[in-house]
Amino acid sequence: MDLDYVTGMIMRIGVILSIALVALGVILILVEGHACSYSESVLFSRTSYVNSSIANLSYIIKGFTNISGLSFIYLGLIILVSVPILRTALALAYFAYEKNRLYIILTIIVLFNLVFAILFLPSIIK
């Protein structure tokens, strides 16, 4: 198994899929003029109060049933953030397969830091 090739493909596919979803979301918002009861002017304002704190999984799924552009944007951003986590988890599996203890320990530390910073740190900082 060539780790560099697989990692490269995961990164490419993840970034392209993320860009496509965000672009589709922006197009849907521009066509409809709103998203999830937020007007276009509110969504694209520099001082908009619409941010990721209003979105949870049920909100995003509900938005998909209504074909809301905001839900496509959120999903694209979730995929973009999850790509480095997936890449690090894949490296951990590869190092475990190779039985390289030093890199297993280092990768576990990196993976813990990534997951902690993305999932838990925002709620602690509030």
N, C-alpha and C. Protein backbone atom coordinates (compact mmCIF):
# COMPACT_ATOMS: atom_id res chain seq x y z
N MET A 1 0.85 -1.17 0.00
CA MET A 1 0.00 0.00 0.00
C MET A 1 0.90 1.24 0.00
N ASP A 2 0.68 2.13 -0.97
CA ASP A 2 1.45 3.35 -1.07
C ASP A 2 0.71 4.47 -0.35
N LEU A 3 1.21 4.83 0.82
CA LEU A 3 0.55 5.81 1.67
C LEU A 3 0.45 7.18 0.98
N ASP A 4 1.48 7.57 0.29
CA ASP A 4 1.47 8.88 -0.37
C ASP A 4 0.38 8.96 -1.44
N TYR A 5 0.22 7.91 -2.23
CA TYR A 5 -0.80 7.91 -3.27
C TYR A 5 -2.21 7.97 -2.67
N VAL A 6 -2.46 7.12 -1.68
CA VAL A 6 -3.79 7.08 -1.05
C VAL A 6 -4.09 8.40 -0.35
N THR A 7 -3.10 8.94 0.35
CA THR A 7 -3.28 10.22 1.03
C THR A 7 -3.57 11.33 0.03
N GLY A 8 -2.83 11.33 -1.05
CA GLY A 8 -3.05 12.34 -2.10
C GLY A 8 -4.45 12.26 -2.69
N MET A 9 -4.92 11.04 -2.92
CA MET A 9 -6.27 10.87 -3.48
C MET A 9 -7.33 11.32 -2.48
N ILE A 10 -7.16 10.98 -1.22
CA ILE A 10 -8.13 11.41 -0.20
C ILE A 10 -8.16 12.93 -0.11
N MET A 11 -7.00 13.56 -0.12
CA MET A 11 -6.94 15.02 -0.05
C MET A 11 -7.61 15.65 -1.27
N ARG A 12 -7.30 15.14 -2.46
CA ARG A 12 -7.89 15.70 -3.69
C ARG A 12 -9.39 15.54 -3.71
N ILE A 13 -9.87 14.33 -3.44
CA ILE A 13 -11.31 14.06 -3.47
C ILE A 13 -12.02 14.89 -2.41
N GLY A 14 -11.46 14.97 -1.22
CA GLY A 14 -12.09 15.74 -0.15
C GLY A 14 -12.18 17.22 -0.47
N VAL A 15 -11.11 17.79 -0.99
CA VAL A 15 -11.11 19.22 -1.30
C VAL A 15 -12.03 19.51 -2.48
N ILE A 16 -12.00 18.69 -3.51
CA ILE A 16 -12.87 18.91 -4.67
C ILE A 16 -14.34 18.77 -4.27
N LEU A 17 -14.66 17.76 -3.48
CA LEU A 17 -16.04 17.58 -3.03
C LEU A 17 -16.48 18.75 -2.15
N SER A 18 -15.59 19.21 -1.29
CA SER A 18 -15.90 20.36 -0.44
C SER A 18 -16.16 21.61 -1.26
N ILE A 19 -15.30 21.89 -2.22
CA ILE A 19 -15.47 23.06 -3.08
C ILE A 19 -16.78 22.97 -3.85
N ALA A 20 -17.09 21.79 -4.37
CA ALA A 20 -18.32 21.61 -5.13
C ALA A 20 -19.55 21.86 -4.27
N LEU A 21 -19.56 21.35 -3.04
CA LEU A 21 -20.70 21.56 -2.16
C LEU A 21 -20.86 23.02 -1.74
N VAL A 22 -19.76 23.67 -1.41
CA VAL A 22 -19.83 25.09 -1.04
C VAL A 22 -20.30 25.93 -2.22
N ALA A 23 -19.76 25.65 -3.41
CA ALA A 23 -20.17 26.40 -4.60
C ALA A 23 -21.65 26.17 -4.90
N LEU A 24 -22.11 24.94 -4.80
CA LEU A 24 -23.52 24.63 -5.01
C LEU A 24 -24.38 25.37 -3.99
N GLY A 25 -23.95 25.41 -2.75
CA GLY A 25 -24.68 26.13 -1.71
C GLY A 25 -24.78 27.62 -2.00
N VAL A 26 -23.69 28.21 -2.43
CA VAL A 26 -23.70 29.65 -2.76
C VAL A 26 -24.62 29.91 -3.95
N ILE A 27 -24.56 29.06 -4.95
CA ILE A 27 -25.44 29.21 -6.12
C ILE A 27 -26.91 29.09 -5.71
N LEU A 28 -27.22 28.12 -4.87
CA LEU A 28 -28.61 27.96 -4.40
C LEU A 28 -29.08 29.20 -3.63
N ILE A 29 -28.21 29.76 -2.81
CA ILE A 29 -28.58 30.96 -2.05
C ILE A 29 -28.81 32.13 -3.00
N LEU A 30 -27.93 32.28 -3.99
CA LEU A 30 -28.09 33.39 -4.93
C LEU A 30 -29.35 33.24 -5.77
N VAL A 31 -29.68 32.00 -6.17
CA VAL A 31 -30.88 31.77 -6.97
C VAL A 31 -32.15 31.99 -6.15
N GLU A 32 -32.17 31.45 -4.94
CA GLU A 32 -33.36 31.55 -4.09
C GLU A 32 -33.46 32.90 -3.38
N GLY A 33 -32.35 33.55 -3.14
CA GLY A 33 -32.36 34.82 -2.42
C GLY A 33 -32.39 34.67 -0.91
N HIS A 34 -32.41 33.45 -0.42
CA HIS A 34 -32.43 33.20 1.03
C HIS A 34 -31.99 31.76 1.28
N ALA A 35 -31.76 31.46 2.56
CA ALA A 35 -31.43 30.09 2.96
C ALA A 35 -31.85 29.91 4.41
N CYS A 36 -32.69 28.92 4.67
CA CYS A 36 -33.14 28.60 6.03
C CYS A 36 -33.65 29.84 6.75
N SER A 37 -34.48 30.59 6.10
CA SER A 37 -35.14 31.80 6.62
C SER A 37 -34.18 32.97 6.87
N TYR A 38 -32.96 32.90 6.37
CA TYR A 38 -32.03 34.03 6.44
C TYR A 38 -31.95 34.65 5.06
N SER A 39 -32.07 35.96 4.99
CA SER A 39 -32.03 36.63 3.69
C SER A 39 -30.59 36.65 3.16
N GLU A 40 -30.50 36.90 1.86
CA GLU A 40 -29.19 36.94 1.21
C GLU A 40 -28.32 38.05 1.81
N SER A 41 -28.90 39.19 2.11
CA SER A 41 -28.13 40.30 2.67
C SER A 41 -27.57 39.95 4.06
N VAL A 42 -28.33 39.20 4.84
CA VAL A 42 -27.85 38.78 6.16
C VAL A 42 -26.73 37.76 6.01
N LEU A 43 -26.89 36.81 5.08
CA LEU A 43 -25.90 35.75 4.92
C LEU A 43 -24.56 36.28 4.42
N PHE A 44 -24.57 37.25 3.51
CA PHE A 44 -23.34 37.72 2.89
C PHE A 44 -22.79 39.00 3.53
N SER A 45 -23.36 39.42 4.64
CA SER A 45 -22.88 40.61 5.34
C SER A 45 -21.57 40.31 6.06
N ARG A 46 -20.71 41.31 6.14
CA ARG A 46 -19.45 41.13 6.88
C ARG A 46 -19.69 40.90 8.36
N THR A 47 -20.77 41.45 8.89
CA THR A 47 -21.06 41.33 10.31
C THR A 47 -22.24 40.38 10.56
N SER A 48 -22.37 39.37 9.72
CA SER A 48 -23.49 38.44 9.81
C SER A 48 -23.43 37.65 11.11
N TYR A 49 -24.59 37.44 11.72
CA TYR A 49 -24.67 36.62 12.92
C TYR A 49 -24.87 35.15 12.60
N VAL A 50 -24.96 34.82 11.31
CA VAL A 50 -25.10 33.43 10.89
C VAL A 50 -23.70 32.82 10.84
N ASN A 51 -23.46 31.82 11.68
CA ASN A 51 -22.17 31.15 11.70
C ASN A 51 -22.38 29.68 12.07
N SER A 52 -21.32 28.98 12.27
CA SER A 52 -21.43 27.54 12.52
C SER A 52 -22.07 27.19 13.86
N SER A 53 -22.20 28.16 14.75
CA SER A 53 -22.81 27.86 16.04
C SER A 53 -24.31 27.58 15.93
N ILE A 54 -24.94 28.02 14.84
CA ILE A 54 -26.37 27.76 14.67
C ILE A 54 -26.63 26.41 14.02
N ALA A 55 -25.58 25.77 13.52
CA ALA A 55 -25.77 24.52 12.78
C ALA A 55 -25.40 23.31 13.63
N ASN A 56 -26.30 22.35 13.66
CA ASN A 56 -25.98 21.04 14.20
C ASN A 56 -26.40 20.02 13.15
N LEU A 57 -26.21 18.76 13.43
CA LEU A 57 -26.47 17.74 12.41
C LEU A 57 -27.93 17.72 11.98
N SER A 58 -28.85 17.85 12.92
CA SER A 58 -30.27 17.83 12.55
C SER A 58 -30.64 19.07 11.71
N TYR A 59 -30.02 20.20 12.00
CA TYR A 59 -30.24 21.42 11.22
C TYR A 59 -29.79 21.24 9.78
N ILE A 60 -28.63 20.60 9.61
CA ILE A 60 -28.09 20.39 8.26
C ILE A 60 -28.96 19.40 7.50
N ILE A 61 -29.37 18.32 8.14
CA ILE A 61 -30.22 17.32 7.47
C ILE A 61 -31.57 17.92 7.10
N LYS A 62 -32.13 18.70 7.99
CA LYS A 62 -33.40 19.37 7.71
C LYS A 62 -33.25 20.31 6.51
N GLY A 63 -32.11 20.97 6.42
CA GLY A 63 -31.84 21.86 5.29
C GLY A 63 -31.73 21.12 3.98
N PHE A 64 -31.24 19.89 4.02
CA PHE A 64 -31.15 19.10 2.79
C PHE A 64 -32.54 18.72 2.28
N THR A 65 -33.46 18.43 3.19
CA THR A 65 -34.81 18.08 2.75
C THR A 65 -35.49 19.27 2.09
N ASN A 66 -35.09 20.49 2.49
CA ASN A 66 -35.63 21.71 1.88
C ASN A 66 -34.74 22.25 0.77
N ILE A 67 -33.66 21.55 0.46
CA ILE A 67 -32.64 21.97 -0.51
C ILE A 67 -32.17 23.39 -0.19
N SER A 68 -31.65 23.55 0.99
CA SER A 68 -31.15 24.84 1.45
C SER A 68 -29.66 24.96 1.12
N GLY A 69 -29.29 26.09 0.54
CA GLY A 69 -27.89 26.32 0.20
C GLY A 69 -26.98 26.35 1.40
N LEU A 70 -27.49 26.85 2.52
CA LEU A 70 -26.68 26.93 3.74
C LEU A 70 -26.26 25.55 4.23
N SER A 71 -27.15 24.57 4.09
CA SER A 71 -26.80 23.20 4.50
C SER A 71 -25.71 22.61 3.61
N PHE A 72 -25.74 22.91 2.31
CA PHE A 72 -24.68 22.44 1.42
C PHE A 72 -23.34 23.08 1.79
N ILE A 73 -23.38 24.36 2.15
CA ILE A 73 -22.14 25.03 2.57
C ILE A 73 -21.59 24.40 3.84
N TYR A 74 -22.46 24.18 4.83
CA TYR A 74 -22.01 23.55 6.08
C TYR A 74 -21.43 22.16 5.84
N LEU A 75 -22.08 21.36 5.01
CA LEU A 75 -21.55 20.03 4.72
C LEU A 75 -20.20 20.10 4.03
N GLY A 76 -20.05 21.04 3.11
CA GLY A 76 -18.76 21.23 2.44
C GLY A 76 -17.66 21.59 3.42
N LEU A 77 -17.99 22.44 4.38
CA LEU A 77 -17.00 22.82 5.39
C LEU A 77 -16.68 21.67 6.33
N ILE A 78 -17.69 20.87 6.66
CA ILE A 78 -17.44 19.70 7.52
C ILE A 78 -16.50 18.72 6.81
N ILE A 79 -16.73 18.50 5.53
CA ILE A 79 -15.85 17.60 4.77
C ILE A 79 -14.44 18.17 4.70
N LEU A 80 -14.32 19.47 4.48
CA LEU A 80 -13.00 20.10 4.40
C LEU A 80 -12.23 19.96 5.71
N VAL A 81 -12.91 20.09 6.83
CA VAL A 81 -12.26 19.96 8.13
C VAL A 81 -11.93 18.50 8.45
N SER A 82 -12.75 17.58 7.97
CA SER A 82 -12.53 16.17 8.29
C SER A 82 -11.42 15.52 7.45
N VAL A 83 -11.01 16.14 6.36
CA VAL A 83 -9.97 15.56 5.51
C VAL A 83 -8.65 15.38 6.27
N PRO A 84 -8.14 16.37 7.00
CA PRO A 84 -6.89 16.14 7.75
C PRO A 84 -7.02 15.06 8.83
N ILE A 85 -8.20 14.97 9.44
CA ILE A 85 -8.41 13.93 10.44
C ILE A 85 -8.35 12.56 9.79
N LEU A 86 -9.00 12.41 8.64
CA LEU A 86 -8.98 11.15 7.91
C LEU A 86 -7.57 10.81 7.45
N ARG A 87 -6.83 11.80 7.01
CA ARG A 87 -5.45 11.58 6.57
C ARG A 87 -4.58 11.10 7.73
N THR A 88 -4.74 11.69 8.90
CA THR A 88 -3.96 11.30 10.06
C THR A 88 -4.35 9.90 10.54
N ALA A 89 -5.65 9.59 10.51
CA ALA A 89 -6.10 8.25 10.89
C ALA A 89 -5.56 7.19 9.94
N LEU A 90 -5.51 7.53 8.65
CA LEU A 90 -4.95 6.60 7.66
C LEU A 90 -3.46 6.38 7.93
N ALA A 91 -2.74 7.45 8.26
CA ALA A 91 -1.32 7.31 8.58
C ALA A 91 -1.13 6.44 9.82
N LEU A 92 -2.01 6.60 10.81
CA LEU A 92 -1.94 5.77 12.02
C LEU A 92 -2.12 4.29 11.67
N ALA A 93 -3.10 4.00 10.81
CA ALA A 93 -3.31 2.61 10.40
C ALA A 93 -2.10 2.06 9.64
N TYR A 94 -1.50 2.89 8.80
CA TYR A 94 -0.32 2.47 8.05
C TYR A 94 0.85 2.19 8.99
N PHE A 95 1.09 3.07 9.96
CA PHE A 95 2.19 2.87 10.89
C PHE A 95 1.94 1.66 11.78
N ALA A 96 0.69 1.40 12.12
CA ALA A 96 0.36 0.21 12.90
C ALA A 96 0.63 -1.04 12.07
N TYR A 97 0.30 -0.99 10.78
CA TYR A 97 0.56 -2.11 9.88
C TYR A 97 2.07 -2.36 9.77
N GLU A 98 2.84 -1.30 9.72
CA GLU A 98 4.30 -1.40 9.63
C GLU A 98 4.96 -1.68 10.97
N LYS A 99 4.16 -1.62 12.07
CA LYS A 99 4.64 -1.84 13.44
C LYS A 99 5.75 -0.86 13.84
N ASN A 100 5.58 0.39 13.43
CA ASN A 100 6.53 1.44 13.75
C ASN A 100 6.01 2.18 14.99
N ARG A 101 6.50 1.78 16.15
CA ARG A 101 5.97 2.26 17.42
C ARG A 101 6.14 3.76 17.62
N LEU A 102 7.29 4.29 17.24
CA LEU A 102 7.54 5.72 17.42
C LEU A 102 6.51 6.54 16.64
N TYR A 103 6.31 6.20 15.38
CA TYR A 103 5.35 6.96 14.57
C TYR A 103 3.90 6.70 14.97
N ILE A 104 3.63 5.53 15.52
CA ILE A 104 2.29 5.27 16.05
C ILE A 104 2.01 6.23 17.20
N ILE A 105 2.94 6.37 18.12
CA ILE A 105 2.76 7.26 19.27
C ILE A 105 2.64 8.72 18.82
N LEU A 106 3.52 9.14 17.92
CA LEU A 106 3.47 10.52 17.43
C LEU A 106 2.16 10.81 16.69
N THR A 107 1.69 9.85 15.90
CA THR A 107 0.46 10.05 15.14
C THR A 107 -0.76 10.05 16.06
N ILE A 108 -0.74 9.26 17.11
CA ILE A 108 -1.82 9.29 18.09
C ILE A 108 -1.88 10.66 18.76
N ILE A 109 -0.74 11.22 19.08
CA ILE A 109 -0.70 12.56 19.68
C ILE A 109 -1.26 13.60 18.72
N VAL A 110 -0.85 13.54 17.47
CA VAL A 110 -1.35 14.48 16.45
C VAL A 110 -2.86 14.31 16.27
N LEU A 111 -3.32 13.06 16.18
CA LEU A 111 -4.76 12.81 16.00
C LEU A 111 -5.55 13.31 17.20
N PHE A 112 -5.05 13.08 18.39
CA PHE A 112 -5.72 13.59 19.59
C PHE A 112 -5.80 15.11 19.56
N ASN A 113 -4.69 15.78 19.19
CA ASN A 113 -4.69 17.24 19.12
C ASN A 113 -5.69 17.76 18.09
N LEU A 114 -5.75 17.12 16.94
CA LEU A 114 -6.71 17.53 15.90
C LEU A 114 -8.15 17.39 16.38
N VAL A 115 -8.48 16.23 16.91
CA VAL A 115 -9.86 15.97 17.35
C VAL A 115 -10.21 16.89 18.52
N PHE A 116 -9.30 17.08 19.44
CA PHE A 116 -9.55 17.96 20.58
C PHE A 116 -9.78 19.40 20.12
N ALA A 117 -8.93 19.88 19.22
CA ALA A 117 -9.03 21.27 18.76
C ALA A 117 -10.30 21.51 17.94
N ILE A 118 -10.75 20.52 17.21
CA ILE A 118 -11.92 20.71 16.35
C ILE A 118 -13.22 20.46 17.11
N LEU A 119 -13.28 19.43 17.92
CA LEU A 119 -14.54 19.05 18.55
C LEU A 119 -14.74 19.63 19.95
N PHE A 120 -13.71 19.69 20.76
CA PHE A 120 -13.89 20.04 22.16
C PHE A 120 -13.44 21.45 22.52
N LEU A 121 -12.41 21.94 21.93
CA LEU A 121 -11.88 23.26 22.28
C LEU A 121 -12.88 24.39 22.06
N PRO A 122 -13.65 24.40 20.96
CA PRO A 122 -14.63 25.50 20.80
C PRO A 122 -15.64 25.58 21.94
N SER A 123 -16.08 24.45 22.47
CA SER A 123 -17.04 24.49 23.57
C SER A 123 -16.39 24.91 24.87
N ILE A 124 -15.11 24.69 25.04
CA ILE A 124 -14.39 25.10 26.24
C ILE A 124 -14.15 26.61 26.21
N ILE A 125 -13.85 27.14 25.04
CA ILE A 125 -13.54 28.56 24.89
C ILE A 125 -14.77 29.44 25.10
N LYS A 126 -15.94 28.94 24.74
CA LYS A 126 -17.18 29.72 24.91
C LYS A 126 -17.24 30.23 26.30
